[in-house]
Amino acid sequence: MSVKVKVTGVVKYAGRWRYPGDVLEDVRDEIAQQLVEQDVGEIVSEEETKAKPASKNAKSSEGDK
C-alpha cells in the first residue's frame, strides 16, 4: 500500500529537498510513518497500490439496426 504525505517540515526525500506544503505521492508505508514520527509530514490519504481495472465504455447495439 502507498500513501500520500503532506510535508510539514524540511526533509530530503528521493534525493530532493522538500518543503512545507509539498505533497509526496506513492510513499511506502514505512517511509510515511517515519516522516510522521519525525514531525515532518502528515498522511493525507492511503491508496491501494494495485491498479484498478479500467472501466469499459459499453455501447448498446440497439442503435445498429
Protein backbone atom coordinates (compact mmCIF):
# COMPACT_ATOMS: atom_id res chain seq x y z
CA MET A 1 0.00 0.00 0.00
CA SER A 2 1.19 3.52 -0.64
CA VAL A 3 0.15 6.79 0.91
CA LYS A 4 0.09 10.46 0.09
CA VAL A 5 2.07 12.59 2.56
CA LYS A 6 1.91 16.35 3.06
CA VAL A 7 5.28 17.72 4.14
CA THR A 8 5.17 19.89 7.29
CA GLY A 9 8.91 20.50 7.65
CA VAL A 10 12.03 20.49 5.51
CA VAL A 11 13.03 16.95 4.54
CA LYS A 12 15.12 15.24 1.88
CA TYR A 13 13.07 12.62 0.04
CA ALA A 14 14.15 10.72 -3.08
CA GLY A 15 17.29 12.83 -3.35
CA ARG A 16 15.46 16.19 -3.41
CA TRP A 17 14.74 18.69 -0.67
CA ARG A 18 11.03 19.00 0.06
CA TYR A 19 9.44 21.94 1.85
CA PRO A 20 6.29 22.51 3.92
CA GLY A 21 3.19 22.25 1.77
CA ASP A 22 4.71 19.82 -0.75
CA VAL A 23 2.68 16.65 -1.28
CA LEU A 24 4.53 13.38 -1.84
CA GLU A 25 2.66 10.71 -3.80
CA ASP A 26 3.16 6.93 -3.70
CA VAL A 27 5.15 6.92 -0.46
CA ARG A 28 5.72 3.48 1.09
CA ASP A 29 4.01 2.94 4.44
CA GLU A 30 7.29 2.58 6.35
CA ILE A 31 8.69 5.85 4.98
CA ALA A 32 5.42 7.70 5.59
CA GLN A 33 5.39 6.51 9.20
CA GLN A 34 8.98 7.72 9.68
CA LEU A 35 8.08 11.17 8.33
CA VAL A 36 5.11 11.39 10.71
CA GLU A 37 7.18 10.21 13.71
CA GLN A 38 9.85 12.84 12.92
CA ASP A 39 7.17 15.58 12.77
CA VAL A 40 7.97 16.49 9.15
CA GLY A 41 4.89 15.03 7.48
CA GLU A 42 1.25 14.05 7.83
CA ILE A 43 -0.62 11.35 5.98
CA VAL A 44 -3.19 12.82 3.60
CA SER A 45 -4.66 9.62 2.14
CA GLU A 46 -3.98 5.94 1.72
CA GLU A 47 -4.16 4.34 -1.71
CA GLU A 48 -4.12 0.78 -2.94
CA THR A 49 -1.03 0.01 -5.00
CA LYS A 50 -2.92 -2.39 -7.24
CA ALA A 51 -4.12 -0.80 -10.45
CA LYS A 52 -7.86 -0.57 -10.64
CA PRO A 53 -9.36 -2.12 -13.76
CA ALA A 54 -10.24 0.48 -16.37
CA SER A 55 -13.95 0.89 -16.93
CA LYS A 56 -15.02 -0.09 -20.39
CA ASN A 57 -17.48 2.04 -22.27
CA ALA A 58 -20.15 -0.45 -23.15
CA LYS A 59 -22.09 0.59 -26.22
CA SER A 60 -25.51 -0.80 -26.77
CA SER A 61 -26.23 -2.40 -30.11
CA GLU A 62 -29.84 -1.16 -30.20
CA GLY A 63 -28.98 1.76 -32.47
CA ASP A 64 -27.34 -0.54 -35.06
CA LYS A 65 -30.49 -1.85 -36.74
